[in-house]
N, C-alpha and C. Protein backbone atom coordinates (compact mmCIF):
# COMPACT_ATOMS: atom_id res chain seq x y z
N MET A 1 103.23 88.23 109.57
CA MET A 1 103.80 88.75 110.79
C MET A 1 104.89 87.80 111.25
N THR A 2 105.91 88.33 111.87
CA THR A 2 107.02 87.50 112.31
C THR A 2 106.66 86.77 113.59
N SER A 3 107.66 86.25 114.28
CA SER A 3 107.45 85.34 115.39
C SER A 3 106.75 85.95 116.59
N ASP A 4 106.75 87.26 116.77
CA ASP A 4 106.12 87.81 117.97
C ASP A 4 104.63 88.04 117.71
N LYS A 5 103.89 86.95 117.59
CA LYS A 5 102.46 87.01 117.29
C LYS A 5 101.74 87.80 118.37
N LEU A 6 100.95 88.74 117.92
CA LEU A 6 100.13 89.52 118.83
C LEU A 6 98.73 88.93 118.80
N PRO A 7 98.19 88.57 119.96
CA PRO A 7 96.89 87.90 119.97
C PRO A 7 95.81 88.71 119.26
N TYR A 8 95.80 90.03 119.45
CA TYR A 8 94.75 90.86 118.85
C TYR A 8 94.97 91.06 117.35
N ALA A 9 96.14 90.71 116.84
CA ALA A 9 96.41 90.88 115.41
C ALA A 9 96.38 89.55 114.65
N ALA A 10 96.35 88.45 115.38
CA ALA A 10 96.40 87.14 114.72
C ALA A 10 95.19 86.92 113.81
N ASP A 11 94.00 87.33 114.27
CA ASP A 11 92.81 87.18 113.42
C ASP A 11 92.93 88.01 112.16
N ALA A 12 93.46 89.22 112.28
CA ALA A 12 93.63 90.10 111.12
C ALA A 12 94.60 89.48 110.12
N GLU A 13 95.65 88.87 110.64
CA GLU A 13 96.62 88.22 109.75
C GLU A 13 95.99 87.05 109.01
N ARG A 14 95.23 86.22 109.74
CA ARG A 14 94.57 85.07 109.11
C ARG A 14 93.58 85.53 108.03
N GLU A 15 92.82 86.56 108.34
CA GLU A 15 91.85 87.08 107.37
C GLU A 15 92.56 87.64 106.14
N TYR A 16 93.66 88.35 106.36
CA TYR A 16 94.43 88.92 105.26
C TYR A 16 94.95 87.80 104.35
N GLU A 17 95.51 86.76 104.96
CA GLU A 17 96.05 85.64 104.17
C GLU A 17 94.94 84.89 103.44
N LYS A 18 93.77 84.79 104.07
CA LYS A 18 92.64 84.10 103.45
C LYS A 18 92.16 84.85 102.20
N GLU A 19 92.19 86.19 102.25
CA GLU A 19 91.72 87.01 101.13
C GLU A 19 92.81 87.29 100.09
N ASP A 20 94.04 86.92 100.40
CA ASP A 20 95.15 87.16 99.48
C ASP A 20 94.88 86.46 98.16
N PRO A 21 95.13 87.02 97.02
CA PRO A 21 95.95 88.19 96.72
C PRO A 21 95.17 89.51 96.66
N TYR A 22 93.84 89.49 96.92
CA TYR A 22 93.04 90.72 96.82
C TYR A 22 92.25 90.95 98.10
N PRO A 23 92.93 91.31 99.19
CA PRO A 23 92.20 91.55 100.43
C PRO A 23 91.37 92.84 100.34
N SER A 24 90.27 92.87 101.07
CA SER A 24 89.45 94.08 101.11
C SER A 24 90.24 95.20 101.81
N LEU A 25 89.81 96.43 101.58
CA LEU A 25 90.48 97.56 102.24
C LEU A 25 90.41 97.44 103.75
N GLN A 26 89.27 97.00 104.28
CA GLN A 26 89.13 96.88 105.73
C GLN A 26 90.07 95.80 106.27
N THR A 27 90.15 94.68 105.59
CA THR A 27 91.06 93.61 106.01
C THR A 27 92.50 94.08 105.97
N LYS A 28 92.84 94.78 104.91
CA LYS A 28 94.20 95.32 104.76
C LYS A 28 94.50 96.31 105.88
N PHE A 29 93.54 97.17 106.20
CA PHE A 29 93.71 98.15 107.27
C PHE A 29 93.89 97.44 108.61
N ASN A 30 93.05 96.45 108.90
CA ASN A 30 93.15 95.73 110.17
C ASN A 30 94.51 95.05 110.31
N TYR A 31 94.97 94.45 109.24
CA TYR A 31 96.27 93.78 109.26
C TYR A 31 97.40 94.80 109.44
N ALA A 32 97.32 95.91 108.73
CA ALA A 32 98.33 96.96 108.86
C ALA A 32 98.37 97.47 110.29
N TRP A 33 97.21 97.65 110.90
CA TRP A 33 97.11 98.10 112.28
C TRP A 33 97.85 97.13 113.21
N GLY A 34 97.62 95.83 113.00
CA GLY A 34 98.31 94.83 113.82
C GLY A 34 99.82 94.86 113.61
N LEU A 35 100.25 95.07 112.38
CA LEU A 35 101.68 95.13 112.09
C LEU A 35 102.33 96.36 112.73
N ILE A 36 101.64 97.48 112.71
CA ILE A 36 102.16 98.71 113.34
C ILE A 36 102.34 98.49 114.83
N LYS A 37 101.43 97.76 115.46
CA LYS A 37 101.49 97.51 116.90
C LYS A 37 102.62 96.56 117.29
N SER A 38 103.16 95.85 116.34
CA SER A 38 104.22 94.88 116.60
C SER A 38 105.48 95.57 117.12
N SER A 39 106.30 94.82 117.81
CA SER A 39 107.59 95.35 118.27
C SER A 39 108.70 95.07 117.26
N THR A 40 108.38 94.37 116.19
CA THR A 40 109.35 94.01 115.17
C THR A 40 109.40 95.07 114.07
N ARG A 41 110.59 95.56 113.80
CA ARG A 41 110.76 96.62 112.81
C ARG A 41 110.21 96.23 111.43
N GLN A 42 110.47 95.01 110.99
CA GLN A 42 109.99 94.57 109.68
C GLN A 42 108.46 94.61 109.62
N ASP A 43 107.81 94.15 110.69
CA ASP A 43 106.35 94.21 110.73
C ASP A 43 105.87 95.66 110.65
N GLN A 44 106.52 96.54 111.39
CA GLN A 44 106.15 97.95 111.38
C GLN A 44 106.31 98.54 109.98
N GLN A 45 107.40 98.20 109.31
CA GLN A 45 107.61 98.68 107.94
C GLN A 45 106.52 98.16 107.01
N ASP A 46 106.18 96.88 107.17
CA ASP A 46 105.11 96.30 106.34
C ASP A 46 103.77 96.99 106.62
N GLY A 47 103.51 97.29 107.89
CA GLY A 47 102.28 97.99 108.25
C GLY A 47 102.21 99.37 107.62
N VAL A 48 103.31 100.11 107.68
CA VAL A 48 103.35 101.44 107.07
C VAL A 48 103.15 101.33 105.55
N ARG A 49 103.77 100.32 104.95
CA ARG A 49 103.62 100.13 103.50
C ARG A 49 102.16 99.87 103.13
N LEU A 50 101.50 98.98 103.87
CA LEU A 50 100.09 98.68 103.60
C LEU A 50 99.21 99.91 103.80
N LEU A 51 99.44 100.64 104.88
CA LEU A 51 98.65 101.85 105.12
C LEU A 51 98.89 102.90 104.05
N SER A 52 100.12 102.99 103.58
CA SER A 52 100.43 103.94 102.50
C SER A 52 99.68 103.57 101.23
N GLU A 53 99.57 102.27 100.97
CA GLU A 53 98.81 101.81 99.80
C GLU A 53 97.34 102.21 99.93
N ILE A 54 96.77 102.01 101.11
CA ILE A 54 95.37 102.38 101.34
C ILE A 54 95.21 103.89 101.21
N PHE A 55 96.14 104.64 101.79
CA PHE A 55 96.10 106.10 101.76
C PHE A 55 96.08 106.62 100.32
N ARG A 56 96.92 106.03 99.48
CA ARG A 56 96.99 106.46 98.07
C ARG A 56 95.77 106.00 97.26
N ALA A 57 95.32 104.79 97.51
CA ALA A 57 94.28 104.20 96.67
C ALA A 57 92.86 104.62 97.05
N SER A 58 92.66 105.04 98.27
CA SER A 58 91.29 105.28 98.73
C SER A 58 91.18 106.61 99.49
N PRO A 59 90.92 107.70 98.77
CA PRO A 59 90.84 109.02 99.42
C PRO A 59 89.83 109.08 100.57
N ASP A 60 88.74 108.32 100.49
CA ASP A 60 87.75 108.36 101.56
C ASP A 60 88.21 107.64 102.83
N ARG A 61 89.33 106.94 102.78
CA ARG A 61 89.87 106.25 103.96
C ARG A 61 91.12 106.93 104.52
N ARG A 62 91.50 108.05 103.95
CA ARG A 62 92.75 108.70 104.34
C ARG A 62 92.76 109.13 105.80
N ARG A 63 91.66 109.72 106.26
CA ARG A 63 91.65 110.23 107.62
C ARG A 63 91.97 109.13 108.63
N GLU A 64 91.38 107.96 108.45
CA GLU A 64 91.61 106.89 109.41
C GLU A 64 93.03 106.31 109.30
N CYS A 65 93.70 106.52 108.19
CA CYS A 65 95.08 106.05 108.03
C CYS A 65 96.09 107.01 108.67
N LEU A 66 95.74 108.28 108.77
CA LEU A 66 96.72 109.29 109.19
C LEU A 66 97.37 108.99 110.53
N TYR A 67 96.57 108.67 111.55
CA TYR A 67 97.14 108.43 112.88
C TYR A 67 98.12 107.25 112.85
N TYR A 68 97.71 106.16 112.23
CA TYR A 68 98.56 104.97 112.22
C TYR A 68 99.79 105.13 111.34
N LEU A 69 99.69 105.93 110.29
CA LEU A 69 100.89 106.26 109.51
C LEU A 69 101.83 107.11 110.35
N GLY A 70 101.28 108.03 111.12
CA GLY A 70 102.10 108.82 112.03
C GLY A 70 102.75 107.95 113.09
N LEU A 71 101.97 107.07 113.70
CA LEU A 71 102.48 106.19 114.74
C LEU A 71 103.54 105.24 114.19
N GLY A 72 103.26 104.63 113.05
CA GLY A 72 104.21 103.69 112.45
C GLY A 72 105.53 104.37 112.11
N ASN A 73 105.46 105.54 111.52
CA ASN A 73 106.69 106.26 111.19
C ASN A 73 107.42 106.70 112.44
N TYR A 74 106.69 107.05 113.48
CA TYR A 74 107.32 107.39 114.77
C TYR A 74 108.09 106.19 115.31
N LYS A 75 107.45 105.03 115.32
CA LYS A 75 108.10 103.83 115.84
C LYS A 75 109.33 103.45 115.02
N LEU A 76 109.31 103.79 113.73
CA LEU A 76 110.45 103.49 112.85
C LEU A 76 111.54 104.56 112.92
N GLY A 77 111.27 105.65 113.63
CA GLY A 77 112.26 106.72 113.75
C GLY A 77 112.21 107.72 112.61
N ASN A 78 111.17 107.66 111.80
CA ASN A 78 110.98 108.61 110.69
C ASN A 78 110.15 109.79 111.20
N TYR A 79 110.77 110.64 112.01
CA TYR A 79 110.02 111.65 112.74
C TYR A 79 109.43 112.73 111.83
N ALA A 80 110.10 113.09 110.76
CA ALA A 80 109.55 114.11 109.85
C ALA A 80 108.27 113.58 109.19
N GLU A 81 108.30 112.33 108.77
CA GLU A 81 107.10 111.72 108.17
C GLU A 81 106.00 111.58 109.21
N ALA A 82 106.38 111.14 110.40
CA ALA A 82 105.39 110.98 111.48
C ALA A 82 104.72 112.32 111.76
N ARG A 83 105.50 113.37 111.84
CA ARG A 83 104.97 114.71 112.11
C ARG A 83 104.03 115.15 110.98
N ARG A 84 104.43 114.88 109.75
CA ARG A 84 103.62 115.29 108.60
C ARG A 84 102.23 114.64 108.64
N TYR A 85 102.19 113.33 108.85
CA TYR A 85 100.90 112.64 108.90
C TYR A 85 100.09 113.09 110.10
N ASN A 86 100.74 113.19 111.25
CA ASN A 86 100.03 113.57 112.47
C ASN A 86 99.49 115.00 112.38
N ASP A 87 100.29 115.90 111.84
CA ASP A 87 99.82 117.28 111.67
C ASP A 87 98.63 117.35 110.72
N SER A 88 98.64 116.50 109.70
CA SER A 88 97.50 116.46 108.77
C SER A 88 96.23 116.03 109.51
N LEU A 89 96.37 115.06 110.40
CA LEU A 89 95.22 114.62 111.18
C LEU A 89 94.75 115.73 112.12
N LEU A 90 95.69 116.41 112.76
CA LEU A 90 95.31 117.49 113.68
C LEU A 90 94.66 118.66 112.96
N GLU A 91 94.97 118.85 111.69
CA GLU A 91 94.29 119.89 110.91
C GLU A 91 92.81 119.55 110.74
N ILE A 92 92.53 118.26 110.61
CA ILE A 92 91.15 117.80 110.43
C ILE A 92 90.43 117.70 111.78
N GLU A 93 91.15 117.16 112.78
CA GLU A 93 90.58 116.91 114.11
C GLU A 93 91.50 117.49 115.17
N SER A 94 91.41 118.78 115.40
CA SER A 94 92.33 119.44 116.34
C SER A 94 92.18 118.92 117.77
N GLY A 95 91.04 118.37 118.11
CA GLY A 95 90.82 117.86 119.45
C GLY A 95 91.15 116.39 119.63
N ASN A 96 91.72 115.75 118.63
CA ASN A 96 92.04 114.32 118.71
C ASN A 96 93.15 114.10 119.74
N MET A 97 92.78 113.51 120.88
CA MET A 97 93.72 113.34 122.00
C MET A 97 94.88 112.40 121.64
N GLN A 98 94.60 111.35 120.88
CA GLN A 98 95.68 110.44 120.48
C GLN A 98 96.70 111.19 119.63
N ALA A 99 96.23 111.97 118.69
CA ALA A 99 97.13 112.72 117.81
C ALA A 99 97.90 113.78 118.59
N GLN A 100 97.24 114.39 119.57
CA GLN A 100 97.94 115.37 120.41
C GLN A 100 99.05 114.70 121.21
N SER A 101 98.76 113.53 121.76
CA SER A 101 99.78 112.78 122.51
C SER A 101 100.93 112.36 121.61
N LEU A 102 100.60 111.90 120.41
CA LEU A 102 101.64 111.50 119.46
C LEU A 102 102.49 112.70 119.07
N ARG A 103 101.86 113.86 118.87
CA ARG A 103 102.61 115.08 118.55
C ARG A 103 103.65 115.37 119.65
N ASP A 104 103.24 115.22 120.91
CA ASP A 104 104.16 115.46 122.02
C ASP A 104 105.31 114.46 122.01
N LEU A 105 105.01 113.19 121.75
CA LEU A 105 106.06 112.17 121.67
C LEU A 105 107.05 112.48 120.55
N ILE A 106 106.52 112.87 119.40
CA ILE A 106 107.38 113.19 118.25
C ILE A 106 108.28 114.37 118.59
N GLU A 107 107.70 115.42 119.16
CA GLU A 107 108.47 116.62 119.49
C GLU A 107 109.56 116.30 120.51
N ASP A 108 109.25 115.46 121.51
CA ASP A 108 110.26 115.07 122.50
C ASP A 108 111.41 114.33 121.85
N LYS A 109 111.10 113.39 120.97
CA LYS A 109 112.16 112.63 120.29
C LYS A 109 113.02 113.52 119.41
N VAL A 110 112.38 114.42 118.67
CA VAL A 110 113.12 115.33 117.79
C VAL A 110 114.04 116.21 118.62
N ALA A 111 113.54 116.70 119.75
CA ALA A 111 114.36 117.56 120.62
C ALA A 111 115.54 116.77 121.18
N LYS A 112 115.30 115.54 121.65
CA LYS A 112 116.38 114.72 122.20
C LYS A 112 117.42 114.39 121.14
N GLU A 113 116.96 114.00 119.96
CA GLU A 113 117.91 113.67 118.90
C GLU A 113 118.68 114.90 118.45
N GLY A 114 118.03 116.06 118.50
CA GLY A 114 118.71 117.31 118.18
C GLY A 114 119.82 117.59 119.18
N LEU A 115 119.54 117.33 120.46
CA LEU A 115 120.56 117.53 121.49
C LEU A 115 121.71 116.54 121.32
N TYR A 116 121.38 115.30 120.96
CA TYR A 116 122.43 114.32 120.70
C TYR A 116 123.31 114.77 119.54
N GLY A 117 122.67 115.28 118.51
CA GLY A 117 123.42 115.76 117.34
C GLY A 117 124.35 116.90 117.71
N VAL A 118 123.86 117.84 118.52
CA VAL A 118 124.69 118.96 118.96
C VAL A 118 125.86 118.45 119.79
N ALA A 119 125.60 117.48 120.67
CA ALA A 119 126.66 116.92 121.51
C ALA A 119 127.71 116.22 120.66
N ILE A 120 127.29 115.49 119.66
CA ILE A 120 128.23 114.78 118.78
C ILE A 120 129.08 115.77 118.01
N VAL A 121 128.44 116.79 117.42
CA VAL A 121 129.18 117.80 116.67
C VAL A 121 130.14 118.53 117.60
N GLY A 122 129.68 118.85 118.80
CA GLY A 122 130.55 119.51 119.77
C GLY A 122 131.74 118.64 120.14
N GLY A 123 131.49 117.36 120.35
CA GLY A 123 132.57 116.43 120.67
C GLY A 123 133.57 116.31 119.54
N LEU A 124 133.07 116.27 118.32
CA LEU A 124 133.97 116.21 117.16
C LEU A 124 134.80 117.48 117.04
N ALA A 125 134.21 118.62 117.33
CA ALA A 125 134.95 119.89 117.26
C ALA A 125 136.06 119.92 118.30
N VAL A 126 135.76 119.45 119.50
CA VAL A 126 136.78 119.40 120.56
C VAL A 126 137.90 118.45 120.15
N ALA A 127 137.53 117.28 119.64
CA ALA A 127 138.54 116.30 119.21
C ALA A 127 139.41 116.88 118.10
N ALA A 128 138.79 117.56 117.13
CA ALA A 128 139.56 118.16 116.04
C ALA A 128 140.50 119.23 116.59
N GLY A 129 140.03 120.00 117.56
CA GLY A 129 140.87 121.02 118.18
C GLY A 129 142.07 120.42 118.89
N VAL A 130 141.85 119.34 119.61
CA VAL A 130 142.94 118.67 120.33
C VAL A 130 143.96 118.11 119.33
N VAL A 131 143.48 117.43 118.30
CA VAL A 131 144.37 116.87 117.29
C VAL A 131 145.14 117.99 116.60
N GLY A 132 144.45 119.06 116.23
CA GLY A 132 145.11 120.21 115.59
C GLY A 132 146.17 120.81 116.49
N GLY A 133 145.86 120.93 117.77
CA GLY A 133 146.82 121.46 118.73
C GLY A 133 148.05 120.57 118.85
N LEU A 134 147.83 119.27 118.88
CA LEU A 134 148.96 118.34 118.97
C LEU A 134 149.84 118.41 117.72
N ILE A 135 149.21 118.54 116.57
CA ILE A 135 149.97 118.64 115.31
C ILE A 135 150.80 119.92 115.31
N MET A 136 150.21 121.02 115.71
CA MET A 136 150.93 122.30 115.74
C MET A 136 152.08 122.24 116.75
N ARG A 137 151.82 121.64 117.87
CA ARG A 137 152.85 121.52 118.91
C ARG A 137 154.02 120.68 118.41
N SER A 138 153.67 119.57 117.72
CA SER A 138 154.70 118.70 117.16
C SER A 138 155.51 119.44 116.10
N ALA A 139 154.84 120.23 115.27
CA ALA A 139 155.53 120.99 114.21
C ALA A 139 156.46 122.04 114.81
N GLN A 140 156.07 122.65 115.90
CA GLN A 140 156.91 123.67 116.54
C GLN A 140 158.15 123.04 117.16
N ARG A 141 158.04 121.84 117.67
CA ARG A 141 159.19 121.16 118.29
C ARG A 141 160.23 120.77 117.25
N LYS A 142 159.79 120.51 116.02
CA LYS A 142 160.71 120.08 114.97
C LYS A 142 161.56 121.23 114.48
N ARG A 143 161.21 122.47 114.74
CA ARG A 143 161.96 123.63 114.24
C ARG A 143 163.20 123.83 114.99
């Protein structure tokens, strides 16, 4: 973990390092959880990577990885991935309040970014129209 040590994750990091190079699945999960909670992008990426390894290697642990994979991808701005993992969890546990809240956060971000995208495209279209108009006006004056 980088310099922003989280008190609740410090024990998980020490345990992970102590068991390295072959940490147990639970130790790896605990450490990944702490990394996801970090405010540092690199830590979050490392947490998602570790959880992805657990998800692939241990089918019986997938359900418990889904929420944190969704959360980690959300924090990293990977909204499609976040939605995919979170929706998978909601298929298993439709009443999971954390997953429902995360779904709302993801949908809000996607909607906001969609509006930003529309505004940018609209702004570019207006700018292209102005430039095109100026070019046509200049061409007409030269005649």
